[in-house]
C-alpha atoms as a PDB file:
ATOM      1  CA  MET A   1       0.000   0.000   0.000  1.00  0.00           C
ATOM      2  CA  LYS A   2       1.256   3.483  -0.864  1.00  0.00           C
ATOM      3  CA  ALA A   3       0.103   6.887   0.296  1.00  0.00           C
ATOM      4  CA  LYS A   4      -1.886   8.563  -2.481  1.00  0.00           C
ATOM      5  CA  ASN A   5       0.181  10.745  -4.866  1.00  0.00           C
ATOM      6  CA  LEU A   6       3.282  10.465  -2.678  1.00  0.00           C
ATOM      7  CA  ASN A   7       4.765   7.138  -3.736  1.00  0.00           C
ATOM      8  CA  LEU A   8       5.490   6.715  -0.040  1.00  0.00           C
ATOM      9  CA  GLN A   9       5.023   3.374   1.655  1.00  0.00           C
ATOM     10  CA  PRO A  10       3.656   3.471   5.238  1.00  0.00           C
ATOM     11  CA  THR A  11       5.881   0.476   5.997  1.00  0.00           C
ATOM     12  CA  ALA A  12       8.932   2.622   5.167  1.00  0.00           C
ATOM     13  CA  LEU A  13       7.805   5.281   7.658  1.00  0.00           C
ATOM     14  CA  LEU A  14       7.196   2.651  10.332  1.00  0.00           C
ATOM     15  CA  ALA A  15      10.648   1.197   9.649  1.00  0.00           C
ATOM     16  CA  GLU A  16      12.236   4.625  10.135  1.00  0.00           C
ATOM     17  CA  LEU A  17      10.401   5.081  13.446  1.00  0.00           C
ATOM     18  CA  VAL A  18      11.435   1.655  14.758  1.00  0.00           C
ATOM     19  CA  GLY A  19      15.007   1.945  13.490  1.00  0.00           C
ATOM     20  CA  THR A  20      15.514   5.395  15.015  1.00  0.00           C
ATOM     21  CA  PHE A  21      13.982   4.206  18.288  1.00  0.00           C
ATOM     22  CA  ILE A  22      16.514   1.358  18.502  1.00  0.00           C
ATOM     23  CA  LEU A  23      19.480   3.548  17.584  1.00  0.00           C
ATOM     24  CA  ALA A  24      18.453   6.363  19.957  1.00  0.00           C
ATOM     25  CA  THR A  25      17.866   3.932  22.833  1.00  0.00           C
ATOM     26  CA  VAL A  26      21.363   2.499  22.440  1.00  0.00           C
ATOM     27  CA  ALA A  27      22.895   5.969  22.026  1.00  0.00           C
ATOM     28  CA  ILE A  28      21.345   7.556  25.136  1.00  0.00           C
ATOM     29  CA  THR A  29      21.612   4.552  27.459  1.00  0.00           C
ATOM     30  CA  VAL A  30      24.801   2.716  26.513  1.00  0.00           C
ATOM     31  CA  ALA A  31      26.512   5.744  24.924  1.00  0.00           C
ATOM     32  CA  ASN A  32      29.431   3.675  23.612  1.00  0.00           C
ATOM     33  CA  PRO A  33      30.411   4.671  20.035  1.00  0.00           C
ATOM     34  CA  ILE A  34      31.454   1.117  19.130  1.00  0.00           C
ATOM     35  CA  ILE A  35      28.146  -0.376  20.278  1.00  0.00           C
ATOM     36  CA  VAL A  36      26.213   2.454  18.586  1.00  0.00           C
ATOM     37  CA  GLY A  37      28.074   1.739  15.336  1.00  0.00           C
ATOM     38  CA  PHE A  38      27.276  -1.972  15.441  1.00  0.00           C
ATOM     39  CA  ALA A  39      23.656  -1.196  16.372  1.00  0.00           C
ATOM     40  CA  LEU A  40      23.449   0.741  13.104  1.00  0.00           C
ATOM     41  CA  VAL A  41      24.825  -2.305  11.241  1.00  0.00           C
ATOM     42  CA  VAL A  42      21.960  -4.405  12.631  1.00  0.00           C
ATOM     43  CA  ILE A  43      19.393  -1.714  11.773  1.00  0.00           C
ATOM     44  CA  VAL A  44      20.610  -1.371   8.169  1.00  0.00           C
ATOM     45  CA  LEU A  45      20.469  -5.141   7.708  1.00  0.00           C
ATOM     46  CA  ALA A  46      16.980  -5.255   9.205  1.00  0.00           C
ATOM     47  CA  ILE A  47      15.222  -2.352   7.454  1.00  0.00           C
ATOM     48  CA  GLY A  48      17.590  -1.268   4.683  1.00  0.00           C
ATOM     49  CA  SER A  49      15.446  -2.882   2.014  1.00  0.00           C
ATOM     50  CA  VAL A  50      12.264  -1.317   3.441  1.00  0.00           C
ATOM     51  CA  SER A  51      13.117   2.357   3.944  1.00  0.00           C
ATOM     52  CA  GLY A  52      16.822   2.677   3.190  1.00  0.00           C
ATOM     53  CA  ALA A  53      17.526   2.787   6.949  1.00  0.00           C
ATOM     54  CA  HIS A  54      18.293   6.500   7.122  1.00  0.00           C
ATOM     55  CA  VAL A  55      17.351   6.774  10.848  1.00  0.00           C
ATOM     56  CA  ASN A  56      18.976  10.212  10.768  1.00  0.00           C
ATOM     57  CA  PRO A  57      17.557  13.521   9.447  1.00  0.00           C
ATOM     58  CA  ALA A  58      21.050  14.502   8.249  1.00  0.00           C
ATOM     59  CA  ILE A  59      21.338  11.401   6.040  1.00  0.00           C
ATOM     60  CA  THR A  60      17.840  11.979   4.663  1.00  0.00           C
ATOM     61  CA  PHE A  61      18.755  15.592   3.878  1.00  0.00           C
ATOM     62  CA  GLY A  62      22.056  14.534   2.312  1.00  0.00           C
ATOM     63  CA  LEU A  63      20.378  11.976   0.049  1.00  0.00           C
ATOM     64  CA  TRP A  64      17.856  14.609  -1.037  1.00  0.00           C
ATOM     65  CA  SER A  65      20.699  17.044  -1.812  1.00  0.00           C
ATOM     66  CA  VAL A  66      22.232  14.562  -4.283  1.00  0.00           C
ATOM     67  CA  LYS A  67      18.823  13.759  -5.811  1.00  0.00           C
ATOM     68  CA  LYS A  68      18.653  10.241  -4.372  1.00  0.00           C
ATOM     69  CA  LEU A  69      15.412  10.954  -2.509  1.00  0.00           C
ATOM     70  CA  GLU A  70      12.257  12.804  -3.520  1.00  0.00           C
ATOM     71  CA  GLY A  71      11.845  16.081  -1.654  1.00  0.00           C
ATOM     72  CA  VAL A  72       8.232  15.302  -0.752  1.00  0.00           C
ATOM     73  CA  LYS A  73       9.421  12.345   1.359  1.00  0.00           C
ATOM     74  CA  VAL A  74      11.858  14.358   3.485  1.00  0.00           C
ATOM     75  CA  PRO A  75       9.397  15.834   6.040  1.00  0.00           C
ATOM     76  CA  PHE A  76       7.691  12.453   6.497  1.00  0.00           C
ATOM     77  CA  TYR A  77      11.021  10.731   7.154  1.00  0.00           C
ATOM     78  CA  TRP A  78      12.032  13.500   9.559  1.00  0.00           C
ATOM     79  CA  ALA A  79       8.766  13.238  11.466  1.00  0.00           C
ATOM     80  CA  MET A  80       9.179   9.479  11.973  1.00  0.00           C
ATOM     81  CA  GLN A  81      12.829   9.827  12.974  1.00  0.00           C
ATOM     82  CA  LEU A  82      12.050  12.497  15.586  1.00  0.00           C
ATOM     83  CA  ALA A  83       9.089  10.435  16.846  1.00  0.00           C
ATOM     84  CA  GLY A  84      11.335   7.383  17.223  1.00  0.00           C
ATOM     85  CA  ALA A  85      13.868   9.389  19.225  1.00  0.00           C
ATOM     86  CA  LEU A  86      11.149  10.846  21.476  1.00  0.00           C
ATOM     87  CA  LEU A  87       9.796   7.349  22.112  1.00  0.00           C
ATOM     88  CA  ALA A  88      13.307   6.226  23.091  1.00  0.00           C
ATOM     89  CA  LEU A  89      13.538   9.196  25.485  1.00  0.00           C
ATOM     90  CA  LEU A  90      10.206   8.312  27.125  1.00  0.00           C
ATOM     91  CA  VAL A  91      11.230   4.683  27.616  1.00  0.00           C
ATOM     92  CA  SER A  92      14.582   5.772  29.060  1.00  0.00           C
ATOM     93  CA  GLN A  93      12.884   8.205  31.477  1.00  0.00           C
ATOM     94  CA  PHE A  94      10.466   5.478  32.557  1.00  0.00           C
ATOM     95  CA  TYR A  95      13.412   3.340  33.656  1.00  0.00           C
ATOM     96  CA  GLN A  96      15.033   6.355  35.332  1.00  0.00           C
ATOM     97  CA  GLY A  97      12.071   6.801  37.662  1.00  0.00           C
ATOM     98  CA  GLY A  98       9.375   8.375  35.539  1.00  0.00           C
ATOM     99  CA  ASN A  99      10.624  11.973  35.627  1.00  0.00           C
ATOM    100  CA  TYR A 100       9.219  12.793  32.182  1.00  0.00           C
ATOM    101  CA  GLY A 101       9.880  15.961  30.261  1.00  0.00           C
ATOM    102  CA  ILE A 102      12.306  17.684  27.946  1.00  0.00           C
ATOM    103  CA  SER A 103      14.060  21.034  28.163  1.00  0.00           C
ATOM    104  CA  PHE A 104      15.001  23.227  25.208  1.00  0.00           C
ATOM    105  CA  ALA A 105      16.876  25.757  27.332  1.00  0.00           C
ATOM    106  CA  SER A 106      19.971  25.530  25.114  1.00  0.00           C
ATOM    107  CA  PHE A 107      18.257  25.372  21.726  1.00  0.00           C
ATOM    108  CA  GLY A 108      19.388  28.861  20.681  1.00  0.00           C
ATOM    109  CA  SER A 109      23.051  28.133  21.456  1.00  0.00           C
ATOM    110  CA  LEU A 110      25.595  28.204  18.645  1.00  0.00           C
ATOM    111  CA  ASP A 111      29.131  27.460  19.778  1.00  0.00           C
ATOM    112  CA  GLY A 112      31.572  27.456  16.854  1.00  0.00           C
ATOM    113  CA  LYS A 113      33.602  24.492  18.104  1.00  0.00           C
ATOM    114  CA  ILE A 114      30.570  22.268  18.665  1.00  0.00           C
ATOM    115  CA  PHE A 115      29.032  23.310  15.344  1.00  0.00           C
ATOM    116  CA  LEU A 116      32.228  22.552  13.405  1.00  0.00           C
ATOM    117  CA  ALA A 117      32.766  19.205  15.168  1.00  0.00           C
ATOM    118  CA  GLU A 118      29.206  18.140  14.315  1.00  0.00           C
ATOM    119  CA  LEU A 119      29.617  19.301  10.713  1.00  0.00           C
ATOM    120  CA  LEU A 120      32.940  17.520  10.146  1.00  0.00           C
ATOM    121  CA  GLY A 121      31.893  14.319  11.900  1.00  0.00           C
ATOM    122  CA  THR A 122      28.618  14.118   9.970  1.00  0.00           C
ATOM    123  CA  ALA A 123      30.379  14.922   6.690  1.00  0.00           C
ATOM    124  CA  VAL A 124      32.743  11.970   7.229  1.00  0.00           C
ATOM    125  CA  PHE A 125      29.791   9.726   8.075  1.00  0.00           C
ATOM    126  CA  ALA A 126      27.705  10.874   5.083  1.00  0.00           C
ATOM    127  CA  PHE A 127      30.689  10.563   2.704  1.00  0.00           C
ATOM    128  CA  ALA A 128      30.977   6.854   3.505  1.00  0.00           C
ATOM    129  CA  VAL A 129      27.187   6.343   3.433  1.00  0.00           C
ATOM    130  CA  ALA A 130      27.125   7.783  -0.095  1.00  0.00           C
ATOM    131  CA  ALA A 131      29.872   5.329  -1.055  1.00  0.00           C
ATOM    132  CA  ALA A 132      27.836   2.441   0.384  1.00  0.00           C
ATOM    133  CA  CYS A 133      24.762   3.533  -1.577  1.00  0.00           C
ATOM    134  CA  GLN A 134      26.602   3.937  -4.890  1.00  0.00           C
ATOM    135  CA  ARG A 135      28.695   0.772  -4.871  1.00  0.00           C
ATOM    136  CA  ASN A 136      27.201  -2.457  -6.134  1.00  0.00           C
ATOM    137  CA  VAL A 137      27.981  -4.603  -3.085  1.00  0.00           C
ATOM    138  CA  VAL A 138      25.985  -7.071  -1.017  1.00  0.00           C
ATOM    139  CA  ASP A 139      23.676  -5.791   1.721  1.00  0.00           C
ATOM    140  CA  SER A 140      25.892  -7.074   4.524  1.00  0.00           C
ATOM    141  CA  ALA A 141      28.870  -5.121   3.179  1.00  0.00           C
ATOM    142  CA  LYS A 142      26.763  -1.955   2.910  1.00  0.00           C
ATOM    143  CA  ALA A 143      25.546  -2.395   6.478  1.00  0.00           C
ATOM    144  CA  LEU A 144      29.062  -2.918   7.811  1.00  0.00           C
ATOM    145  CA  LEU A 145      30.391   0.095   5.895  1.00  0.00           C
ATOM    146  CA  THR A 146      27.551   2.264   7.239  1.00  0.00           C
ATOM    147  CA  GLY A 147      28.143   1.189  10.831  1.00  0.00           C
ATOM    148  CA  LEU A 148      31.903   1.722  10.599  1.00  0.00           C
ATOM    149  CA  ALA A 149      31.244   5.084   8.939  1.00  0.00           C
ATOM    150  CA  LEU A 150      29.191   6.188  11.948  1.00  0.00           C
ATOM    151  CA  LEU A 151      31.920   4.976  14.289  1.00  0.00           C
ATOM    152  CA  THR A 152      34.525   6.954  12.315  1.00  0.00           C
ATOM    153  CA  GLY A 153      32.372  10.092  12.254  1.00  0.00           C
ATOM    154  CA  LEU A 154      31.805   9.871  16.013  1.00  0.00           C
ATOM    155  CA  ALA A 155      35.549   9.469  16.515  1.00  0.00           C
ATOM    156  CA  VAL A 156      36.274  12.563  14.413  1.00  0.00           C
ATOM    157  CA  GLY A 157      33.654  14.806  16.030  1.00  0.00           C
ATOM    158  CA  GLY A 158      34.120  13.431  19.528  1.00  0.00           C
ATOM    159  CA  GLY A 159      37.913  13.620  19.298  1.00  0.00           C
ATOM    160  CA  LEU A 160      37.802  17.294  18.349  1.00  0.00           C
ATOM    161  CA  LEU A 161      35.387  18.104  21.175  1.00  0.00           C
ATOM    162  CA  GLY A 162      37.541  16.110  23.591  1.00  0.00           C
ATOM    163  CA  GLN A 163      40.532  18.282  22.744  1.00  0.00           C
ATOM    164  CA  ALA A 164      38.436  21.405  23.311  1.00  0.00           C
ATOM    165  CA  VAL A 165      37.338  20.122  26.739  1.00  0.00           C
ATOM    166  CA  GLN A 166      40.953  19.306  27.628  1.00  0.00           C
ATOM    167  CA  ASN A 167      41.981  22.817  26.697  1.00  0.00           C
ATOM    168  CA  ALA A 168      39.135  24.251  28.788  1.00  0.00           C
ATOM    169  CA  SER A 169      40.237  22.202  31.824  1.00  0.00           C
ATOM    170  CA  THR A 170      43.521  24.130  31.940  1.00  0.00           C
ATOM    171  CA  SER A 171      41.716  27.457  32.347  1.00  0.00           C
ATOM    172  CA  THR A 172      39.075  26.793  35.022  1.00  0.00           C
ATOM    173  CA  THR A 173      39.860  30.069  36.807  1.00  0.00           C
ATOM    174  CA  THR A 174      37.731  32.020  34.322  1.00  0.00           C
ATOM    175  CA  LYS A 175      34.183  32.880  35.427  1.00  0.00           C
ATOM    176  CA  GLU A 176      32.532  31.910  32.154  1.00  0.00           C
ATOM    177  CA  THR A 177      32.698  28.223  31.246  1.00  0.00           C
ATOM    178  CA  PRO A 178      32.842  27.294  27.536  1.00  0.00           C
ATOM    179  CA  ARG A 179      29.715  25.497  26.300  1.00  0.00           C
ATOM    180  CA  VAL A 180      31.894  22.689  24.986  1.00  0.00           C
ATOM    181  CA  THR A 181      32.280  21.461  28.581  1.00  0.00           C
ATOM    182  CA  LEU A 182      28.540  20.772  28.764  1.00  0.00           C
ATOM    183  CA  VAL A 183      28.497  18.194  25.962  1.00  0.00           C
ATOM    184  CA  ASP A 184      29.721  14.629  25.938  1.00  0.00           C
ATOM    185  CA  GLY A 185      31.051  13.843  22.469  1.00  0.00           C
ATOM    186  CA  ALA A 186      29.474  14.446  19.069  1.00  0.00           C
ATOM    187  CA  VAL A 187      25.955  13.320  18.121  1.00  0.00           C
ATOM    188  CA  LEU A 188      25.864  13.549  14.283  1.00  0.00           C
ATOM    189  CA  ASN A 189      22.105  12.990  14.342  1.00  0.00           C
ATOM    190  CA  PRO A 190      19.489  15.688  15.134  1.00  0.00           C
ATOM    191  CA  ALA A 191      16.944  13.037  16.156  1.00  0.00           C
ATOM    192  CA  ILE A 192      19.286  11.535  18.746  1.00  0.00           C
ATOM    193  CA  ALA A 193      20.315  15.054  19.807  1.00  0.00           C
ATOM    194  CA  LEU A 194      16.646  15.610  20.691  1.00  0.00           C
ATOM    195  CA  ALA A 195      16.715  12.642  23.095  1.00  0.00           C
ATOM    196  CA  ALA A 196      20.243  13.183  24.455  1.00  0.00           C
ATOM    197  CA  THR A 197      20.952  15.724  27.201  1.00  0.00           C
ATOM    198  CA  GLU A 198      23.755  18.041  28.196  1.00  0.00           C
ATOM    199  CA  LYS A 199      25.540  17.871  31.513  1.00  0.00           C
ATOM    200  CA  ALA A 200      23.411  19.267  34.346  1.00  0.00           C
ATOM    201  CA  ASP A 201      24.522  22.909  34.292  1.00  0.00           C
ATOM    202  CA  GLN A 202      27.523  25.174  33.910  1.00  0.00           C
ATOM    203  CA  GLN A 203      28.244  25.252  37.632  1.00  0.00           C
ATOM    204  CA  SER A 204      28.507  21.456  37.830  1.00  0.00           C
ATOM    205  CA  ALA A 205      30.713  21.496  34.729  1.00  0.00           C
ATOM    206  CA  VAL A 206      33.079  23.996  36.344  1.00  0.00           C
ATOM    207  CA  GLN A 207      33.245  21.974  39.547  1.00  0.00           C
ATOM    208  CA  SER A 208      33.794  18.764  37.595  1.00  0.00           C
ATOM    209  CA  LEU A 209      36.743  20.286  35.745  1.00  0.00           C
ATOM    210  CA  ALA A 210      38.133  21.605  39.035  1.00  0.00           C
ATOM    211  CA  GLY A 211      37.835  18.153  40.647  1.00  0.00           C
ATOM    212  CA  GLN A 212      35.099  19.235  43.066  1.00  0.00           C
ATOM    213  CA  THR A 213      31.786  17.532  43.841  1.00  0.00           C
ATOM    214  CA  ALA A 214      28.787  19.283  42.321  1.00  0.00           C
ATOM    215  CA  PRO A 215      25.653  19.703  44.453  1.00  0.00           C
ATOM    216  CA  GLU A 216      22.543  17.775  43.424  1.00  0.00           C
ATOM    217  CA  SER A 217      20.029  19.707  41.344  1.00  0.00           C
ATOM    218  CA  ASN A 218      16.429  18.990  40.387  1.00  0.00           C
ATOM    219  CA  LYS A 219      16.722  21.098  37.260  1.00  0.00           C
ATOM    220  CA  LYS A 220      16.164  19.005  34.130  1.00  0.00           C
ATOM    221  CA  ALA A 221      19.183  18.856  31.817  1.00  0.00           C
ATOM    222  CA  ALA A 222      18.732  20.592  28.474  1.00  0.00           C
ATOM    223  CA  SER A 223      18.270  18.618  25.269  1.00  0.00           C
ATOM    224  CA  ARG A 224      21.245  18.538  22.939  1.00  0.00           C
ATOM    225  CA  LEU A 225      19.040  19.620  20.042  1.00  0.00           C
ATOM    226  CA  THR A 226      20.527  23.068  19.413  1.00  0.00           C
ATOM    227  CA  TRP A 227      21.476  25.099  16.359  1.00  0.00           C
ATOM    228  CA  GLU A 228      24.908  23.468  16.723  1.00  0.00           C
ATOM    229  CA  THR A 229      23.699  19.885  16.369  1.00  0.00           C
ATOM    230  CA  LEU A 230      20.877  20.739  13.949  1.00  0.00           C
ATOM    231  CA  LEU A 231      22.642  22.946  11.410  1.00  0.00           C
ATOM    232  CA  GLY A 232      25.995  21.217  11.852  1.00  0.00           C
ATOM    233  CA  ALA A 233      24.564  17.766  11.111  1.00  0.00           C
ATOM    234  CA  LEU A 234      22.322  18.846   8.216  1.00  0.00           C
ATOM    235  CA  LEU A 235      25.075  20.814   6.483  1.00  0.00           C
ATOM    236  CA  GLY A 236      27.570  18.031   7.178  1.00  0.00           C
ATOM    237  CA  GLY A 237      25.231  15.455   5.645  1.00  0.00           C
ATOM    238  CA  ALA A 238      24.828  17.511   2.466  1.00  0.00           C
ATOM    239  CA  ILE A 239      28.552  18.307   2.205  1.00  0.00           C
ATOM    240  CA  GLY A 240      29.637  14.694   2.758  1.00  0.00           C
ATOM    241  CA  MET A 241      27.204  13.268   0.197  1.00  0.00           C
ATOM    242  CA  ASN A 242      28.011  15.868  -2.461  1.00  0.00           C
ATOM    243  CA  LEU A 243      31.742  15.518  -1.853  1.00  0.00           C
ATOM    244  CA  PHE A 244      31.595  11.792  -2.548  1.00  0.00           C
ATOM    245  CA  MET A 245      29.559  12.342  -5.717  1.00  0.00           C
ATOM    246  CA  LEU A 246      32.214  14.838  -6.828  1.00  0.00           C
ATOM    247  CA  VAL A 247      35.079  12.459  -6.033  1.00  0.00           C
ATOM    248  CA  ALA A 248      33.280   9.588  -7.778  1.00  0.00           C
ATOM    249  CA  GLY A 249      32.674  11.765 -10.839  1.00  0.00           C
ATOM    250  CA  GLU A 250      28.912  11.552 -10.461  1.00  0.00           C
ATOM    251  CA  ALA A 251      28.161  15.070  -9.276  1.00  0.00           C
ATOM    252  CA  VAL A 252      25.096  16.705 -10.795  1.00  0.00           C
ATOM    253  CA  ASN A 253      25.971  19.335 -13.412  1.00  0.00           C
ATOM    254  CA  PRO A 254      23.774  22.395 -12.658  1.00  0.00           C
ATOM    255  CA  PHE A 255      24.267  23.719 -16.229  1.00  0.00           C
ATOM    256  CA  LYS A 256      23.185  20.504 -17.928  1.00  0.00           C
ATOM    257  CA  LYS A 257      19.684  20.624 -19.344  1.00  0.00           C
ATOM    258  CA  LYS A 258      17.382  18.004 -17.887  1.00  0.00           C
ATOM    259  CA  GLU A 259      16.305  15.470 -20.522  1.00  0.00           C
ATOM    260  CA  THR A 260      12.582  14.871 -20.733  1.00  0.00           C
ATOM    261  CA  VAL A 261      11.004  11.584 -21.805  1.00  0.00           C
ATOM    262  CA  VAL A 262      10.146  13.127 -25.176  1.00  0.00           C
ATOM    263  CA  THR A 263      13.749  14.229 -25.692  1.00  0.00           C
ATOM    264  CA  LYS A 264      15.072  10.764 -24.886  1.00  0.00           C
ATOM    265  CA  VAL A 265      12.566   9.034 -27.207  1.00  0.00           C
ATOM    266  CA  THR A 266      13.375  11.483 -30.020  1.00  0.00           C
ATOM    267  CA  ALA A 267      17.099  10.788 -29.610  1.00  0.00           C
ATOM    268  CA  VAL A 268      16.511   7.030 -29.795  1.00  0.00           C
ATOM    269  CA  VAL A 269      14.325   7.406 -32.923  1.00  0.00           C
ATOM    270  CA  LYS A 270      16.942   9.591 -34.632  1.00  0.00           C
ATOM    271  CA  LYS A 271      19.653   7.086 -33.787  1.00  0.00           C
ATOM    272  CA  GLY A 272      17.483   4.296 -35.213  1.00  0.00           C
ATOM    273  CA  LYS A 273      16.919   6.201 -38.461  1.00  0.00           C
ATOM    274  CA  LYS A 274      20.667   6.707 -38.866  1.00  0.00           C
ATOM    275  CA  GLU A 275      21.284   3.002 -38.388  1.00  0.00           C
ATOM    276  CA  VAL A 276      18.601   2.167 -40.975  1.00  0.00           C
ATOM    277  CA  LYS A 277      20.223   4.542 -43.503  1.00  0.00           C
ATOM    278  CA  LYS A 278      23.630   2.928 -42.923  1.00  0.00           C
ATOM    279  CA  VAL A 279      22.213  -0.548 -43.510  1.00  0.00           C
ATOM    280  CA  ALA A 280      20.429   0.679 -46.678  1.00  0.00           C
ATOM    281  CA  LYS A 281      23.664   2.167 -48.080  1.00  0.00           C
ATOM    282  CA  LYS A 282      25.556  -1.054 -47.468  1.00  0.00           C
ATOM    283  CA  ALA A 283      22.791  -3.053 -49.156  1.00  0.00           C
ATOM    284  CA  LYS A 284      22.990  -0.845 -52.287  1.00  0.00           C
ATOM    285  CA  LYS A 285      26.734  -1.429 -52.521  1.00  0.00           C
END
């Protein structure tokens, strides 16, 4: 069954919701990049043939940017991915004692270091995903490449943020704490960023860097969905995908006129007429 006039299968949307739920649950509870990477391998093997196993708004956006996905499908995929992440958050909060809720206190934040780490990490991830999509390899190889790509992207983004945190730890005497100390590694996925949270607050971050014990606080930690993780991941997804297409020599030429069905049929007919004329000339000889 397909949604009318959309060429969009409801089963594909359900697959995106379930796949994102699994990935987000692993990411916000286990939080181990290696396990998250292998979880993505399992997800791609399970639902890759149903929806493409994007489970990430940045990958969906990147595929649209290289014309591998119809634009009309993008908001539907995004909605299911965000819903899957929210469901993972609710389940996680249930097991944490039922303190439900989400805070967007940091949504307007835009720290250059976090933004760039998210962009670079996602670009690396999307670059390899584009390679997996373009190459004619078996599904298991595509799944493994996708999972290892996520692991590599997390290593790139998380490594850069780790260096920034290390640098901040040497200057804890300053009153204002850099925002980079409130995050724990890169996310590379706006849906998971919605479910993930920052460290409690700036004061606890300062005390943690100084080796002191932070007082307990009932204030809910802010979601990691900010302009940094949103714009960084989306731009990184588009850059990584387009960069691979350029490297592979398959980039879309913006100056090339799009061939219509009529144009293609006319070209075939003309070619056929030329072949007929050649055969006729040879027959006369």
